[in-house]
Amino acid sequence: MDKRRRIYLAWPSDRFVEALHLAVEVIRAGHDPLMQTSSAEWSRLDRNRVEACDCLVRFPGENPKADCAVDCAKVLGLPVYFSLQECLDDLPKRVTA
C-alpha cells in the first residue's frame, strides 16, 4: 500500500510563509500537502480539499476559516493535529500493510 498521505494545512493568513515552508517539509517527508485557499471565507473548494485529505494540521492563530476546516475534518472523522511534527510522527501508525 502506498504510504503517501494528503495533509491539509489550515493556517491563519498572517502565517502564509510559514505554511509554505511546512508544505515543503510535508513533501520532503513523502506526503502531499493541500493548502487552504487564499480567499477570506470558507469555500466549497476548501471543503473539497479537506474531504480529499487523510488528515489536517491546524496552525496556531485566530482564523475562522481554519476553524471551519478543523470542524469539517472532525465531522469526517479525520485526525486533526496541531503541529506538523505530531502529524508526521503519527502517520506511520495509521498506515496499514
N, C-alpha and C. Protein backbone atom coordinates (compact mmCIF):
# COMPACT_ATOMS: atom_id res chain seq x y z
N MET A 1 0.85 -1.18 0.00
CA MET A 1 0.00 0.00 0.00
C MET A 1 0.89 1.25 0.00
N ASP A 2 0.48 2.22 -0.76
CA ASP A 2 1.22 3.48 -0.82
C ASP A 2 1.12 4.19 0.53
N LYS A 3 2.26 4.60 1.06
CA LYS A 3 2.28 5.26 2.37
C LYS A 3 2.16 6.78 2.25
N ARG A 4 2.06 7.29 1.04
CA ARG A 4 1.90 8.72 0.82
C ARG A 4 0.53 9.16 1.30
N ARG A 5 0.47 10.24 2.03
CA ARG A 5 -0.79 10.76 2.55
C ARG A 5 -0.98 12.20 2.13
N ARG A 6 -2.23 12.61 2.01
CA ARG A 6 -2.57 14.00 1.72
C ARG A 6 -2.83 14.70 3.05
N ILE A 7 -2.11 15.79 3.25
CA ILE A 7 -2.20 16.53 4.51
C ILE A 7 -2.70 17.94 4.22
N TYR A 8 -3.87 18.27 4.76
CA TYR A 8 -4.44 19.61 4.59
C TYR A 8 -3.81 20.53 5.63
N LEU A 9 -3.31 21.67 5.17
CA LEU A 9 -2.70 22.66 6.06
C LEU A 9 -3.65 23.84 6.23
N ALA A 10 -4.12 24.03 7.45
CA ALA A 10 -5.04 25.13 7.78
C ALA A 10 -4.28 26.17 8.59
N TRP A 11 -4.19 27.39 8.09
CA TRP A 11 -3.31 28.40 8.68
C TRP A 11 -3.98 29.76 8.69
N PRO A 12 -3.64 30.58 9.67
CA PRO A 12 -4.07 31.98 9.64
C PRO A 12 -3.34 32.72 8.52
N SER A 13 -4.00 33.69 7.93
CA SER A 13 -3.43 34.38 6.77
C SER A 13 -2.08 35.02 7.06
N ASP A 14 -1.83 35.41 8.31
CA ASP A 14 -0.55 36.05 8.62
C ASP A 14 0.59 35.04 8.77
N ARG A 15 0.30 33.76 8.57
CA ARG A 15 1.33 32.72 8.68
C ARG A 15 1.53 31.98 7.36
N PHE A 16 1.19 32.64 6.27
CA PHE A 16 1.27 32.02 4.95
C PHE A 16 2.67 31.54 4.61
N VAL A 17 3.67 32.37 4.86
CA VAL A 17 5.05 31.99 4.52
C VAL A 17 5.46 30.76 5.32
N GLU A 18 5.11 30.72 6.60
CA GLU A 18 5.41 29.54 7.41
C GLU A 18 4.70 28.32 6.86
N ALA A 19 3.46 28.49 6.43
CA ALA A 19 2.70 27.37 5.86
C ALA A 19 3.39 26.84 4.60
N LEU A 20 3.91 27.73 3.78
CA LEU A 20 4.63 27.29 2.58
C LEU A 20 5.88 26.49 2.94
N HIS A 21 6.62 26.97 3.94
CA HIS A 21 7.81 26.24 4.38
C HIS A 21 7.43 24.85 4.91
N LEU A 22 6.34 24.77 5.64
CA LEU A 22 5.93 23.48 6.18
C LEU A 22 5.38 22.57 5.08
N ALA A 23 4.80 23.16 4.04
CA ALA A 23 4.36 22.36 2.89
C ALA A 23 5.57 21.66 2.26
N VAL A 24 6.69 22.37 2.19
CA VAL A 24 7.91 21.77 1.67
C VAL A 24 8.35 20.60 2.57
N GLU A 25 8.21 20.77 3.88
CA GLU A 25 8.56 19.69 4.81
C GLU A 25 7.65 18.48 4.61
N VAL A 26 6.38 18.73 4.33
CA VAL A 26 5.45 17.63 4.05
C VAL A 26 5.92 16.86 2.82
N ILE A 27 6.32 17.58 1.79
CA ILE A 27 6.81 16.93 0.57
C ILE A 27 8.09 16.15 0.85
N ARG A 28 8.99 16.74 1.60
CA ARG A 28 10.24 16.04 1.94
C ARG A 28 9.98 14.77 2.74
N ALA A 29 8.90 14.76 3.51
CA ALA A 29 8.55 13.58 4.30
C ALA A 29 7.83 12.53 3.45
N GLY A 30 7.60 12.84 2.17
CA GLY A 30 6.99 11.86 1.27
C GLY A 30 5.49 11.92 1.19
N HIS A 31 4.91 13.06 1.57
CA HIS A 31 3.46 13.21 1.53
C HIS A 31 3.07 14.38 0.64
N ASP A 32 1.78 14.56 0.46
CA ASP A 32 1.26 15.63 -0.41
C ASP A 32 0.52 16.67 0.41
N PRO A 33 1.00 17.91 0.42
CA PRO A 33 0.28 18.96 1.14
C PRO A 33 -0.86 19.52 0.29
N LEU A 34 -1.95 19.81 0.91
CA LEU A 34 -3.02 20.57 0.29
C LEU A 34 -3.22 21.80 1.15
N MET A 35 -3.14 22.96 0.54
CA MET A 35 -3.25 24.22 1.26
C MET A 35 -4.68 24.74 1.17
N GLN A 36 -5.11 25.41 2.23
CA GLN A 36 -6.40 26.07 2.14
C GLN A 36 -6.30 27.18 1.10
N THR A 37 -7.42 27.55 0.52
CA THR A 37 -7.41 28.62 -0.48
C THR A 37 -7.10 29.95 0.19
N SER A 38 -6.68 30.90 -0.60
CA SER A 38 -6.30 32.21 -0.05
C SER A 38 -7.49 33.16 0.09
N SER A 39 -8.68 32.73 -0.30
CA SER A 39 -9.84 33.58 -0.12
C SER A 39 -10.13 33.76 1.37
N ALA A 40 -10.80 34.84 1.69
CA ALA A 40 -11.04 35.17 3.10
C ALA A 40 -12.10 34.27 3.75
N GLU A 41 -12.98 33.69 2.95
CA GLU A 41 -14.07 32.90 3.51
C GLU A 41 -13.94 31.42 3.16
N TRP A 42 -14.52 30.60 4.00
CA TRP A 42 -14.58 29.16 3.78
C TRP A 42 -15.35 28.93 2.48
N SER A 43 -14.84 28.05 1.63
CA SER A 43 -15.47 27.83 0.34
C SER A 43 -15.68 26.35 0.07
N ARG A 44 -16.43 26.08 -0.96
CA ARG A 44 -16.65 24.69 -1.38
C ARG A 44 -15.32 24.02 -1.75
N LEU A 45 -14.42 24.79 -2.38
CA LEU A 45 -13.11 24.24 -2.73
C LEU A 45 -12.34 23.83 -1.48
N ASP A 46 -12.39 24.66 -0.43
CA ASP A 46 -11.74 24.29 0.83
C ASP A 46 -12.33 22.99 1.37
N ARG A 47 -13.64 22.91 1.38
CA ARG A 47 -14.30 21.70 1.89
C ARG A 47 -13.89 20.48 1.07
N ASN A 48 -13.87 20.64 -0.26
CA ASN A 48 -13.47 19.52 -1.12
C ASN A 48 -12.04 19.09 -0.85
N ARG A 49 -11.17 20.05 -0.57
CA ARG A 49 -9.78 19.70 -0.26
C ARG A 49 -9.68 18.94 1.05
N VAL A 50 -10.43 19.37 2.05
CA VAL A 50 -10.42 18.64 3.33
C VAL A 50 -10.93 17.22 3.11
N GLU A 51 -12.01 17.09 2.35
CA GLU A 51 -12.58 15.76 2.09
C GLU A 51 -11.60 14.84 1.37
N ALA A 52 -10.69 15.42 0.59
CA ALA A 52 -9.72 14.63 -0.18
C ALA A 52 -8.49 14.24 0.64
N CYS A 53 -8.41 14.74 1.87
CA CYS A 53 -7.20 14.53 2.68
C CYS A 53 -7.35 13.36 3.64
N ASP A 54 -6.20 12.96 4.15
CA ASP A 54 -6.15 11.90 5.16
C ASP A 54 -6.10 12.46 6.57
N CYS A 55 -5.69 13.73 6.69
CA CYS A 55 -5.61 14.38 7.99
C CYS A 55 -5.44 15.88 7.79
N LEU A 56 -5.46 16.61 8.88
CA LEU A 56 -5.36 18.07 8.84
C LEU A 56 -4.39 18.54 9.90
N VAL A 57 -3.57 19.55 9.55
CA VAL A 57 -2.70 20.21 10.51
C VAL A 57 -3.19 21.64 10.65
N ARG A 58 -3.52 22.03 11.87
CA ARG A 58 -4.02 23.38 12.17
C ARG A 58 -2.91 24.20 12.80
N PHE A 59 -2.53 25.29 12.13
CA PHE A 59 -1.51 26.19 12.66
C PHE A 59 -2.11 27.07 13.74
N PRO A 60 -1.32 27.49 14.72
CA PRO A 60 -1.84 28.38 15.76
C PRO A 60 -2.21 29.75 15.20
N GLY A 61 -3.13 30.39 15.86
CA GLY A 61 -3.56 31.73 15.48
C GLY A 61 -5.03 31.76 15.12
N GLU A 62 -5.62 32.92 15.29
CA GLU A 62 -7.04 33.06 15.02
C GLU A 62 -7.32 33.09 13.53
N ASN A 63 -8.29 32.30 13.12
CA ASN A 63 -8.73 32.29 11.73
C ASN A 63 -9.99 31.47 11.63
N PRO A 64 -11.14 32.12 11.43
CA PRO A 64 -12.40 31.38 11.34
C PRO A 64 -12.40 30.33 10.22
N LYS A 65 -11.71 30.63 9.14
CA LYS A 65 -11.66 29.70 8.02
C LYS A 65 -10.92 28.42 8.41
N ALA A 66 -9.81 28.56 9.10
CA ALA A 66 -9.07 27.39 9.57
C ALA A 66 -9.90 26.62 10.59
N ASP A 67 -10.67 27.33 11.41
CA ASP A 67 -11.55 26.67 12.37
C ASP A 67 -12.62 25.86 11.65
N CYS A 68 -13.14 26.38 10.54
CA CYS A 68 -14.12 25.63 9.74
C CYS A 68 -13.49 24.36 9.19
N ALA A 69 -12.23 24.45 8.76
CA ALA A 69 -11.53 23.27 8.25
C ALA A 69 -11.41 22.20 9.33
N VAL A 70 -11.09 22.62 10.54
CA VAL A 70 -10.99 21.67 11.66
C VAL A 70 -12.35 21.03 11.92
N ASP A 71 -13.40 21.83 11.96
CA ASP A 71 -14.74 21.29 12.18
C ASP A 71 -15.11 20.28 11.10
N CYS A 72 -14.81 20.62 9.85
CA CYS A 72 -15.11 19.72 8.74
C CYS A 72 -14.34 18.41 8.89
N ALA A 73 -13.06 18.49 9.22
CA ALA A 73 -12.24 17.29 9.39
C ALA A 73 -12.80 16.41 10.51
N LYS A 74 -13.22 17.03 11.60
CA LYS A 74 -13.77 16.25 12.71
C LYS A 74 -15.06 15.54 12.31
N VAL A 75 -15.92 16.23 11.56
CA VAL A 75 -17.16 15.61 11.09
C VAL A 75 -16.84 14.40 10.20
N LEU A 76 -15.79 14.53 9.40
CA LEU A 76 -15.39 13.45 8.51
C LEU A 76 -14.62 12.34 9.22
N GLY A 77 -14.29 12.57 10.49
CA GLY A 77 -13.54 11.57 11.24
C GLY A 77 -12.05 11.56 10.93
N LEU A 78 -11.55 12.66 10.39
CA LEU A 78 -10.13 12.76 10.07
C LEU A 78 -9.34 13.19 11.30
N PRO A 79 -8.13 12.70 11.44
CA PRO A 79 -7.29 13.18 12.54
C PRO A 79 -6.93 14.65 12.34
N VAL A 80 -6.93 15.39 13.43
CA VAL A 80 -6.54 16.80 13.42
C VAL A 80 -5.33 16.94 14.33
N TYR A 81 -4.29 17.54 13.80
CA TYR A 81 -3.04 17.74 14.54
C TYR A 81 -2.80 19.24 14.69
N PHE A 82 -2.04 19.58 15.72
CA PHE A 82 -1.74 20.98 15.96
C PHE A 82 -0.25 21.28 15.82
N SER A 83 0.48 20.32 15.26
CA SER A 83 1.86 20.56 14.85
C SER A 83 2.18 19.57 13.73
N LEU A 84 3.00 20.01 12.81
CA LEU A 84 3.38 19.12 11.72
C LEU A 84 4.15 17.92 12.24
N GLN A 85 5.01 18.12 13.20
CA GLN A 85 5.78 17.01 13.73
C GLN A 85 4.88 15.94 14.36
N GLU A 86 3.87 16.37 15.10
CA GLU A 86 2.91 15.43 15.68
C GLU A 86 2.25 14.60 14.58
N CYS A 87 1.89 15.26 13.50
CA CYS A 87 1.26 14.59 12.37
C CYS A 87 2.21 13.57 11.75
N LEU A 88 3.43 14.00 11.44
CA LEU A 88 4.39 13.11 10.79
C LEU A 88 4.78 11.93 11.67
N ASP A 89 4.80 12.15 12.99
CA ASP A 89 5.10 11.06 13.91
C ASP A 89 3.96 10.03 13.97
N ASP A 90 2.72 10.50 13.82
CA ASP A 90 1.56 9.64 13.97
C ASP A 90 1.19 8.91 12.68
N LEU A 91 1.46 9.50 11.54
CA LEU A 91 1.02 8.90 10.28
C LEU A 91 1.47 7.46 10.07
N PRO A 92 2.73 7.11 10.37
CA PRO A 92 3.12 5.70 10.15
C PRO A 92 2.27 4.71 10.95
N LYS A 93 1.76 5.13 12.08
CA LYS A 93 0.92 4.26 12.90
C LYS A 93 -0.44 4.02 12.24
N ARG A 94 -0.84 4.94 11.38
CA ARG A 94 -2.16 4.86 10.74
C ARG A 94 -2.12 4.12 9.42
N VAL A 95 -0.93 3.86 8.90
CA VAL A 95 -0.79 3.16 7.63
C VAL A 95 -0.76 1.66 7.89
N THR A 96 -1.64 0.96 7.26
CA THR A 96 -1.67 -0.49 7.44
C THR A 96 -1.10 -1.16 6.20
N ALA A 97 -0.51 -2.30 6.42
CA ALA A 97 0.10 -3.04 5.30
C ALA A 97 -0.94 -3.70 4.45
